[in-house]
Structure formats: C-alpha cells, structure tokens
Amino acid sequence: MRFWLCMIWILLFSVPSFCQQVRHIPKSVIKDKLHGFWVGQMLGNFIGRPFEHRYVETPMPILVTKIYSFEDALERDLLANDNHAGGYIPILAGVLDGAFSDDDTDIEIVTLHAVEKYGLTLTYEEITEAWTTHINGFIWAANREARTLMDSGIIPPDTGKRKFNKHWYKIDAQLTNEIWSAFFPGMISHATERAEWGALITNDGWAIHPTIVYSAMISAAFFESDVRALVNIGLDAIPTDSPVAMGIGDLLEWHYVHSDWRKTRKLLHEKYYQFQTSEYSLPAHPVSALINGLSGIMAILYGEGDFMKTVSIATSAGYDCDNQAATSGGLLGVMSGITGMSSQVIGLTKTLPKWKSWDSPFNDTYVNITRDQLPSRMKISSIVDRTVNIAEKAIVRNGGRISTQNGRVFYRIVSDVPYKDI
C-alpha cells in the first residue's frame, strides 16, 4: 500500500527522484554517525595517501590494512610516496599530536565555516570569498585551476567549466563535497542538489556525477546499511546515459559474477580507464573522475559493509586511491557510527604515532596545516558538533522538527531514503 501511495504522490506532484517519508532518529545517533563520518574520512585518507598515483595499470599486490610510512612500505616491496607528507603520516601525526589536514578533508572544513557564516543557501559569490580567503595552497588539478581563475575575476560555476578549467574531468569534486550529505542526513534530494552545486565549482559534465552518486549514498546511509541498495540509490541520482552510470551498471553485474575484486578491477581498467564510445572520448588519466569514482564503488560493493575491507580495497585498487579510501571511509563511518566501528579500526586511530598512543580517535584533534585564517587546532568532537548544528537547521528548514522525550532529543526528518518494505 505504501508503495502505491508513494507512486501516486510522485505522479500527482512531480516529486523528483525519491519518495518522501517521515523518519525518526535520536540526536545521539546522528551525532554518533557524524563522528564516524569525520573519523572515517580521516582514517581512509591516511591509509590511502602513501600510495596515491603509485599503482595504475595493476592494483597493489597486497590488501592494505594499516597506515604505512614510506619505510614500512619499502619493507613490503610496496611503491609508496616519499616526496610529501603522505609518506610520513605516523611521524607527522606524532609530532602534531593529532590528525592533520589534507585536501580530502580540509576543503570541507572551509565549506563548514562558510555555511556557518552564510547559511545553507550559500551562494557562488560567498563560496568564492571563502576560497580566496582560506584556500591559497595545497591544492592541485581542478581545484588549483578553479582557485587561479577566481584570482582573475571568474567565479563559479564558470571556474569548473571545461571552457576555462582544463582539469574539469578530474576527481576534485568527489573529495570536497561529501559534507553536503552530512548537512542533509536522509535527505537525498537536498544533499545531491547542494553537492552538485559544489561540484560545479571545479568540474563539468559527467565529471560531477561521481560526486552526486556519493552524496546520495552518504545521505541515505543514515538510514540504509545495505551497500548494494546504497549503490543503486546513487545510480538513480544521475543520468542513465552518463559514463558513470554505465560503469556502475557494469560493476553491479561484475560484482554478482566475480567474487574476487581483482578480476573486476581488471575489467574496470580495461573498459573505463580510457573510455571510448561514439558519444564519449574520455582522457586516460590516474586522476580521472571516472576511473577513480568507479573504483570507489567497486570497493564499497566488495567491502560488504565492513569498514576495513572497504577502505583496504579502495586503497589497493590504486589510482588516486586516498580519495576513494577517504570517501568510502566517510560512508562506512556514517553506516556504523563511531561506536559501531571495530576494535581494529578504532585501534588504528589511537596508535597512529610511532612512539605513543592516544586515548581517543586521533586524540580528538584535527591540526590545520593547510588552510589560511582558520584555527590551527580543532577538536574533532567540536567539528562534529558544528556539523550537527547545521544538520539541525537543514532538518527544520525542510519540514522536519526537533523534539524532546524523557530527556532525549529526537529528530523528525522528512526523508527520501526508500523503506525496505515498500
């Protein structure tokens, strides 16, 4: 019955993409999931970052299940980076006494600050002001080009258009816009709308589609834990003729046929690293939004809801692997919450420094070493609270409400995450 009511409502009122239902969830659960979101992104980034760009034609020979330094990787005959901080994460984290910023998380911190200042209806003029104030280094590819264009007076979305941005097809938008799903828990349409808005700052055309897919999945993960269902939710959010949609369709089929992710990775590389059809001729590049976005989806499918397995496959698949590891880590962090993460996962966040251990994940500290005119040290728990505060505004703004029952705070969310029983 609910199914047919939903379908009638869609036909009568032209509601886009998903049917809305009322969901109830305690604030404590949302907060726990957002804590998992931030810690999951940071941990995934640290696991993948030593190996970004090092494996392209073939995946890594082992499944990475810890945070390697350059020296540790050499002992395992692994190709790792020694020319930037990614090769020395345990040392740098020990010196700084916490997690530290990277473009997989720090541009989201800028967005968080901008939304606190200007609101959820943040405009392109306002985000340009935020970028030119806070983002002046430690950016690459489409992000770097967009920032340079801003200095010449061009503002988004023109900064992402292929006419101006020669890197428009690269991965940048995927790793900078997951935060919109954190602002809109269970509100897929709103999350994807704002994630698309953010993606257009740096990217164009089909290259924004992975961002939309991941934003739909992360928003839905507040209420859905089946990874195949989440991938289908993400697929439903983008045009069917997109090369990203074609790739996800293939991955769903290959995952069904092949139990070994390495077989699927081979098929993925052969078809999508340099994707050519009568309609598309896409650049072959290890930082392409297509091959990286799809390898992350592969990791999510084969990870089967397990954080470490998912992030490990995302890393070992190669390409610009820290991005897939961070994005999938954020997704799995939402699914489990910080309290649902395994002892192995939490253990990695507490024993990151080589010469000491912490009492809480990453010492509850995020050290900003990259973004100008923002605090140099932030409590991760404070970042979580700030995200919760904005999510509350989004919930109320979009038809929900906040109530208190027996001393506990609950959210009523007008959600478009499908119920399993419809």
Protein backbone atom coordinates (compact mmCIF):
# COMPACT_ATOMS: atom_id res chain seq x y z
CA MET A 1 0.00 0.00 0.00
CA ARG A 2 2.78 2.43 0.92
CA PHE A 3 4.39 1.77 -2.46
CA TRP A 4 1.28 2.72 -4.43
CA LEU A 5 0.63 5.80 -2.31
CA CYS A 6 4.20 6.86 -2.96
CA MET A 7 3.86 6.33 -6.70
CA ILE A 8 0.57 8.25 -6.86
CA TRP A 9 2.15 11.12 -4.93
CA ILE A 10 5.07 11.23 -7.36
CA LEU A 11 2.77 11.28 -10.39
CA LEU A 12 0.49 13.94 -8.96
CA PHE A 13 3.07 16.31 -7.55
CA SER A 14 6.14 15.58 -9.70
CA VAL A 15 8.45 14.99 -6.73
CA PRO A 16 11.99 14.41 -8.14
CA SER A 17 13.87 11.13 -7.77
CA PHE A 18 12.73 9.76 -4.40
CA CYS A 19 9.54 9.41 -2.38
CA GLN A 20 9.45 11.28 0.92
CA GLN A 21 8.70 9.53 4.21
CA VAL A 22 8.96 10.67 7.81
CA ARG A 23 11.89 9.17 9.73
CA HIS A 24 12.53 9.46 13.46
CA ILE A 25 16.05 9.24 14.86
CA PRO A 26 17.68 10.29 18.14
CA LYS A 27 20.11 13.19 18.04
CA SER A 28 22.65 10.94 19.76
CA VAL A 29 22.55 8.55 16.80
CA ILE A 30 23.00 11.35 14.25
CA LYS A 31 25.91 12.69 16.29
CA ASP A 32 27.47 9.23 16.52
CA LYS A 33 27.15 8.76 12.76
CA LEU A 34 28.65 12.18 12.03
CA HIS A 35 31.54 11.37 14.34
CA GLY A 36 32.02 8.20 12.28
CA PHE A 37 31.80 10.28 9.11
CA TRP A 38 34.68 12.57 10.07
CA VAL A 39 36.91 9.91 11.64
CA GLY A 40 36.18 7.53 8.76
CA GLN A 41 37.26 10.10 6.19
CA MET A 42 40.45 10.91 8.09
CA LEU A 43 41.40 7.29 8.59
CA GLY A 44 40.66 6.35 4.98
CA ASN A 45 42.75 9.28 3.80
CA PHE A 46 45.70 8.20 5.95
CA ILE A 47 45.52 4.58 4.82
CA GLY A 48 45.42 5.50 1.15
CA ARG A 49 47.62 8.56 0.97
CA PRO A 50 51.07 6.88 0.99
CA PHE A 51 50.10 5.11 -2.25
CA GLU A 52 48.28 7.74 -4.32
CA HIS A 53 49.20 7.54 -8.03
CA ARG A 54 51.66 4.68 -7.44
CA TYR A 55 49.54 1.86 -8.86
CA VAL A 56 47.68 2.42 -12.12
CA GLU A 57 47.97 -0.41 -14.64
CA THR A 58 47.72 -3.03 -11.90
CA PRO A 59 46.47 -2.91 -8.30
CA MET A 60 48.67 -3.26 -5.25
CA PRO A 61 49.90 -6.82 -4.65
CA ILE A 62 48.58 -6.91 -1.07
CA LEU A 63 45.45 -5.71 0.68
CA VAL A 64 46.49 -2.73 2.80
CA THR A 65 45.09 -2.94 6.32
CA LYS A 66 47.12 -0.33 8.18
CA ILE A 67 48.71 3.10 7.87
CA TYR A 68 52.11 2.73 6.26
CA SER A 69 55.07 5.05 6.40
CA PHE A 70 57.42 5.15 3.42
CA GLU A 71 59.96 2.96 5.26
CA ASP A 72 57.32 0.38 6.25
CA ALA A 73 56.13 0.17 2.66
CA LEU A 74 59.66 -0.42 1.38
CA GLU A 75 59.98 -3.42 3.69
CA ARG A 76 56.96 -4.94 1.96
CA ASP A 77 58.24 -4.07 -1.52
CA LEU A 78 55.37 -1.61 -1.98
CA LEU A 79 55.58 1.53 -4.08
CA ALA A 80 54.95 4.46 -1.75
CA ASN A 81 55.46 8.21 -1.85
CA ASP A 82 58.42 9.77 -0.11
CA ASN A 83 58.09 13.27 -1.57
CA HIS A 84 55.23 14.57 0.59
CA ALA A 85 53.60 14.14 4.00
CA GLY A 86 51.76 11.02 2.84
CA GLY A 87 54.94 9.01 3.20
CA TYR A 88 55.44 10.04 6.83
CA ILE A 89 51.98 10.06 8.37
CA PRO A 90 52.81 8.28 11.67
CA ILE A 91 55.73 10.64 12.29
CA LEU A 92 53.84 13.82 11.44
CA ALA A 93 50.78 12.76 13.44
CA GLY A 94 53.03 12.07 16.42
CA VAL A 95 54.71 15.47 16.19
CA LEU A 96 51.41 17.31 15.75
CA ASP A 97 49.66 15.09 18.33
CA GLY A 98 46.57 14.53 16.20
CA ALA A 99 45.17 14.01 12.75
CA PHE A 100 46.25 16.65 10.27
CA SER A 101 44.64 18.37 7.32
CA ASP A 102 44.71 17.21 3.72
CA ASP A 103 42.57 18.16 0.73
CA ASP A 104 40.33 15.14 1.36
CA THR A 105 39.01 16.87 4.49
CA ASP A 106 40.23 20.46 4.73
CA ILE A 107 38.17 21.95 1.88
CA GLU A 108 35.13 20.52 3.65
CA ILE A 109 36.26 22.39 6.76
CA VAL A 110 36.25 25.57 4.66
CA THR A 111 32.72 24.74 3.47
CA LEU A 112 31.66 24.11 7.07
CA HIS A 113 33.00 27.52 8.06
CA ALA A 114 31.31 29.19 5.07
CA VAL A 115 27.92 27.61 5.79
CA GLU A 116 28.17 28.69 9.43
CA LYS A 117 28.84 32.23 8.19
CA TYR A 118 26.39 32.46 5.29
CA GLY A 119 23.87 29.64 5.75
CA LEU A 120 22.84 26.55 3.82
CA THR A 121 21.88 28.65 0.79
CA LEU A 122 25.50 29.66 0.37
CA THR A 123 25.97 31.39 -3.00
CA TYR A 124 28.78 31.17 -5.53
CA GLU A 125 29.89 34.70 -4.63
CA GLU A 126 30.09 33.70 -0.97
CA ILE A 127 32.00 30.45 -1.58
CA THR A 128 34.41 32.41 -3.79
CA GLU A 129 35.07 34.72 -0.84
CA ALA A 130 35.69 31.69 1.36
CA TRP A 131 38.06 30.07 -1.14
CA THR A 132 40.09 33.21 -1.77
CA THR A 133 40.40 33.80 1.97
CA HIS A 134 41.20 30.30 3.16
CA ILE A 135 42.46 28.24 0.20
CA ASN A 136 45.74 29.51 -1.20
CA GLY A 137 47.95 26.44 -1.33
CA PHE A 138 47.98 22.65 -1.03
CA ILE A 139 45.53 22.19 -3.89
CA TRP A 140 46.01 20.56 -7.25
CA ALA A 141 44.39 19.83 -10.62
CA ALA A 142 40.83 21.18 -10.99
CA ASN A 143 40.88 22.74 -7.51
CA ARG A 144 44.07 24.64 -8.32
CA GLU A 145 42.75 25.80 -11.68
CA ALA A 146 39.45 26.97 -10.16
CA ARG A 147 41.30 28.91 -7.47
CA THR A 148 43.56 30.55 -10.07
CA LEU A 149 40.51 31.51 -12.14
CA MET A 150 38.98 33.17 -9.08
CA ASP A 151 42.02 35.46 -8.88
CA SER A 152 41.34 36.54 -12.44
CA GLY A 153 37.75 37.52 -11.59
CA ILE A 154 35.97 34.36 -12.77
CA ILE A 155 33.55 32.89 -10.23
CA PRO A 156 31.75 29.53 -10.04
CA PRO A 157 30.23 27.80 -11.85
CA ASP A 158 32.42 29.17 -14.64
CA THR A 159 35.52 28.12 -12.68
CA GLY A 160 34.58 24.50 -13.29
CA LYS A 161 33.54 24.72 -16.92
CA ARG A 162 35.68 22.94 -19.47
CA LYS A 163 35.89 26.22 -21.40
CA PHE A 164 38.03 27.66 -18.59
CA ASN A 165 39.21 24.74 -16.44
CA LYS A 166 41.49 22.35 -18.31
CA HIS A 167 41.23 19.84 -15.44
CA TRP A 168 37.42 19.75 -15.47
CA TYR A 169 37.33 15.94 -15.86
CA LYS A 170 39.42 15.11 -12.79
CA ILE A 171 38.42 13.79 -9.38
CA ASP A 172 38.43 17.03 -7.36
CA ALA A 173 34.69 17.46 -6.77
CA GLN A 174 34.31 13.99 -5.26
CA LEU A 175 36.71 14.67 -2.41
CA THR A 176 35.46 18.13 -1.46
CA ASN A 177 31.67 17.79 -1.29
CA GLU A 178 30.84 14.80 0.93
CA ILE A 179 29.99 17.30 3.67
CA TRP A 180 26.70 18.23 2.00
CA SER A 181 25.40 14.76 2.82
CA ALA A 182 26.40 15.33 6.45
CA PHE A 183 24.34 18.53 6.41
CA PHE A 184 21.33 16.70 4.93
CA PRO A 185 21.08 13.31 6.69
CA GLY A 186 18.50 11.14 4.99
CA MET A 187 17.51 13.97 2.65
CA ILE A 188 18.96 12.63 -0.59
CA SER A 189 17.50 15.18 -3.00
CA HIS A 190 18.74 18.12 -0.95
CA ALA A 191 22.17 16.54 -0.44
CA THR A 192 22.63 15.83 -4.14
CA GLU A 193 21.37 19.27 -5.17
CA ARG A 194 23.92 21.02 -2.98
CA ALA A 195 26.70 18.55 -3.78
CA GLU A 196 26.11 19.22 -7.48
CA TRP A 197 26.26 22.93 -6.74
CA GLY A 198 29.61 22.38 -5.03
CA ALA A 199 30.91 20.09 -7.77
CA LEU A 200 30.40 22.79 -10.40
CA ILE A 201 32.98 24.96 -8.66
CA THR A 202 35.70 22.73 -10.09
CA ASN A 203 34.21 20.27 -12.58
CA ASP A 204 31.86 19.96 -15.51
CA GLY A 205 29.71 17.48 -17.45
CA TRP A 206 29.87 13.82 -16.50
CA ALA A 207 32.75 14.55 -14.08
CA ILE A 208 30.30 15.82 -11.47
CA HIS A 209 28.33 12.56 -11.49
CA PRO A 210 30.56 10.60 -9.06
CA THR A 211 30.06 13.45 -6.58
CA ILE A 212 26.29 13.16 -6.91
CA VAL A 213 26.41 9.37 -6.56
CA TYR A 214 28.45 9.52 -3.37
CA SER A 215 26.37 12.33 -1.89
CA ALA A 216 23.22 10.25 -2.42
CA MET A 217 24.80 7.19 -0.83
CA ILE A 218 26.18 9.01 2.21
CA SER A 219 22.91 10.83 2.86
CA ALA A 220 20.97 7.56 2.52
CA ALA A 221 23.44 5.72 4.79
CA PHE A 222 21.94 7.45 7.82
CA PHE A 223 19.02 5.04 7.38
CA GLU A 224 20.24 2.34 4.97
CA SER A 225 23.08 -0.12 5.59
CA ASP A 226 22.88 -2.47 2.61
CA VAL A 227 25.72 -1.46 0.28
CA ARG A 228 24.11 -2.76 -2.89
CA ALA A 229 20.96 -0.79 -2.09
CA LEU A 230 23.09 2.30 -1.48
CA VAL A 231 24.88 1.91 -4.80
CA ASN A 232 21.52 1.65 -6.57
CA ILE A 233 20.34 4.80 -4.76
CA GLY A 234 23.44 6.59 -6.03
CA LEU A 235 22.89 5.24 -9.52
CA ASP A 236 19.31 6.53 -9.54
CA ALA A 237 20.57 10.06 -8.84
CA ILE A 238 22.47 10.52 -12.14
CA PRO A 239 21.50 10.44 -15.84
CA THR A 240 21.23 6.95 -17.28
CA ASP A 241 23.41 7.83 -20.28
CA SER A 242 26.30 9.03 -18.12
CA PRO A 243 29.55 7.04 -18.43
CA VAL A 244 29.49 6.89 -14.63
CA ALA A 245 26.06 5.24 -14.74
CA MET A 246 27.28 2.80 -17.38
CA GLY A 247 30.25 1.92 -15.21
CA ILE A 248 28.15 1.39 -12.09
CA GLY A 249 25.84 -0.87 -14.08
CA ASP A 250 28.85 -2.94 -15.14
CA LEU A 251 30.18 -3.05 -11.57
CA LEU A 252 26.87 -4.32 -10.23
CA GLU A 253 26.95 -7.10 -12.81
CA TRP A 254 30.63 -7.93 -12.34
CA HIS A 255 30.21 -7.99 -8.56
CA TYR A 256 27.42 -10.51 -8.98
CA VAL A 257 29.56 -12.71 -11.27
CA HIS A 258 33.06 -12.41 -9.76
CA SER A 259 33.83 -12.99 -6.09
CA ASP A 260 37.39 -11.63 -6.45
CA TRP A 261 37.57 -7.84 -6.63
CA ARG A 262 40.84 -8.08 -8.57
CA LYS A 263 39.04 -9.67 -11.52
CA THR A 264 36.55 -6.83 -11.51
CA ARG A 265 39.35 -4.26 -11.19
CA LYS A 266 40.95 -5.71 -14.35
CA LEU A 267 37.68 -5.43 -16.26
CA LEU A 268 37.16 -1.93 -14.91
CA HIS A 269 40.58 -0.76 -16.02
CA GLU A 270 40.28 -2.29 -19.47
CA LYS A 271 36.95 -0.63 -20.20
CA TYR A 272 36.93 2.63 -18.23
CA TYR A 273 40.50 3.86 -17.80
CA GLN A 274 40.32 5.14 -21.37
CA PHE A 275 36.62 5.10 -22.13
CA GLN A 276 35.72 5.43 -25.79
CA THR A 277 32.25 5.30 -27.35
CA SER A 278 30.51 7.06 -30.21
CA GLU A 279 29.38 9.69 -27.69
CA TYR A 280 32.35 9.88 -25.32
CA SER A 281 36.10 10.06 -25.70
CA LEU A 282 37.41 10.43 -22.17
CA PRO A 283 41.01 11.19 -21.20
CA ALA A 284 43.01 8.30 -19.73
CA HIS A 285 44.40 9.72 -16.51
CA PRO A 286 45.07 8.30 -13.00
CA VAL A 287 43.22 11.29 -11.51
CA SER A 288 40.16 10.99 -13.78
CA ALA A 289 36.81 11.34 -12.02
CA LEU A 290 35.55 8.31 -13.93
CA ILE A 291 38.08 5.60 -13.09
CA ASN A 292 38.53 6.80 -9.52
CA GLY A 293 34.82 7.24 -8.84
CA LEU A 294 34.12 3.75 -10.17
CA SER A 295 36.96 2.11 -8.26
CA GLY A 296 35.45 3.50 -5.07
CA ILE A 297 32.08 1.99 -5.94
CA MET A 298 33.84 -1.33 -6.57
CA ALA A 299 35.40 -1.14 -3.09
CA ILE A 300 32.03 -0.39 -1.49
CA LEU A 301 30.40 -3.38 -3.20
CA TYR A 302 33.18 -5.82 -2.39
CA GLY A 303 33.70 -4.40 1.09
CA GLU A 304 30.23 -5.68 2.01
CA GLY A 305 29.70 -3.09 4.73
CA ASP A 306 32.96 -3.80 6.54
CA PHE A 307 34.96 -0.61 7.12
CA MET A 308 38.46 -2.04 6.93
CA LYS A 309 37.73 -4.32 3.99
CA THR A 310 36.15 -1.46 2.04
CA VAL A 311 38.92 1.07 2.69
CA SER A 312 41.59 -1.56 2.05
CA ILE A 313 40.16 -2.43 -1.37
CA ALA A 314 39.76 1.26 -2.19
CA THR A 315 43.45 1.76 -1.40
CA SER A 316 44.80 -1.38 -3.03
CA ALA A 317 42.81 -0.76 -6.22
CA GLY A 318 45.24 2.07 -6.94
CA TYR A 319 44.88 5.26 -9.00
CA ASP A 320 44.32 8.35 -6.79
CA CYS A 321 43.46 5.92 -4.04
CA ASP A 322 43.45 8.14 -0.96
CA ASN A 323 40.36 9.87 -2.28
CA GLN A 324 38.36 6.66 -2.68
CA ALA A 325 39.57 5.47 0.72
CA ALA A 326 38.51 8.73 2.37
CA THR A 327 35.11 8.95 0.67
CA SER A 328 34.24 5.30 1.29
CA GLY A 329 35.58 5.65 4.84
CA GLY A 330 33.17 8.51 5.43
CA LEU A 331 30.30 6.45 4.03
CA LEU A 332 31.10 3.43 6.20
CA GLY A 333 31.58 5.72 9.18
CA VAL A 334 28.03 7.01 8.74
CA MET A 335 26.69 3.46 8.40
CA SER A 336 28.29 2.21 11.63
CA GLY A 337 28.74 5.37 13.65
CA ILE A 338 31.86 5.81 15.73
CA THR A 339 30.52 3.38 18.34
CA GLY A 340 29.95 0.68 15.72
CA MET A 341 33.49 0.73 14.36
CA SER A 342 35.51 -2.39 15.10
CA SER A 343 38.29 -2.50 17.67
CA GLN A 344 40.74 -2.90 14.79
CA VAL A 345 39.56 0.32 13.15
CA ILE A 346 39.48 2.34 16.37
CA GLY A 347 42.86 0.85 17.30
CA LEU A 348 44.40 2.34 14.16
CA THR A 349 43.13 5.79 15.09
CA LYS A 350 44.64 5.54 18.60
CA THR A 351 48.02 4.01 17.76
CA LEU A 352 48.89 6.13 14.74
CA PRO A 353 52.04 7.77 16.20
CA LYS A 354 55.08 5.52 16.25
CA TRP A 355 56.15 6.31 19.79
CA LYS A 356 52.90 6.77 21.75
CA SER A 357 49.18 6.06 21.74
CA TRP A 358 46.09 8.18 22.32
CA ASP A 359 43.01 7.66 24.50
CA SER A 360 40.55 8.72 21.77
CA PRO A 361 40.45 8.51 17.97
CA PHE A 362 43.19 10.80 16.62
CA ASN A 363 43.49 12.31 20.10
CA ASP A 364 40.22 14.13 19.32
CA THR A 365 42.39 16.63 17.46
CA TYR A 366 42.47 17.90 13.87
CA VAL A 367 45.50 20.04 13.13
CA ASN A 368 45.10 22.57 10.33
CA ILE A 369 48.41 22.91 8.46
CA THR A 370 46.93 23.89 5.09
CA ARG A 371 44.06 26.40 5.29
CA ASP A 372 44.70 30.09 5.93
CA GLN A 373 42.91 32.11 8.61
CA LEU A 374 41.23 29.12 10.23
CA PRO A 375 42.12 27.68 13.65
CA SER A 376 45.34 25.68 13.71
CA ARG A 377 43.96 23.09 16.15
CA MET A 378 40.36 21.92 16.36
CA LYS A 379 38.69 19.25 18.45
CA ILE A 380 37.18 16.59 16.20
CA SER A 381 34.28 16.43 18.63
CA SER A 382 33.78 20.17 18.08
CA ILE A 383 33.77 19.70 14.29
CA VAL A 384 31.11 17.01 14.81
CA ASP A 385 29.02 19.34 17.00
CA ARG A 386 29.26 22.10 14.40
CA THR A 387 28.09 19.69 11.71
CA VAL A 388 25.19 18.55 13.89
CA ASN A 389 24.12 22.17 14.41
CA ILE A 390 23.91 22.76 10.67
CA ALA A 391 22.13 19.44 10.11
CA GLU A 392 19.51 20.54 12.65
CA LYS A 393 18.89 23.69 10.64
CA ALA A 394 18.56 21.64 7.45
CA ILE A 395 16.13 19.22 9.09
CA VAL A 396 13.82 22.01 10.30
CA ARG A 397 14.18 24.04 7.10
CA ASN A 398 12.96 21.05 5.08
CA GLY A 399 9.84 20.13 7.01
CA GLY A 400 11.29 18.23 9.97
CA ARG A 401 11.32 19.12 13.63
CA ILE A 402 13.21 18.60 16.86
CA SER A 403 11.52 17.22 19.98
CA THR A 404 12.45 16.03 23.45
CA GLN A 405 11.14 12.84 25.04
CA ASN A 406 12.19 11.73 28.51
CA GLY A 407 15.22 13.97 28.37
CA ARG A 408 16.37 12.71 24.95
CA VAL A 409 16.38 14.82 21.79
CA PHE A 410 14.85 13.31 18.65
CA TYR A 411 14.76 14.45 15.04
CA ARG A 412 11.76 14.05 12.77
CA ILE A 413 13.27 14.05 9.28
CA VAL A 414 11.28 14.29 6.07
CA SER A 415 13.44 11.76 4.27
CA ASP A 416 13.51 10.32 0.76
CA VAL A 417 15.50 7.20 1.68
CA PRO A 418 13.38 4.27 0.45
CA TYR A 419 11.95 1.93 3.07
CA LYS A 420 12.93 -1.69 2.59
CA ASP A 421 9.35 -2.92 2.94
CA ILE A 422 7.83 -0.87 0.11
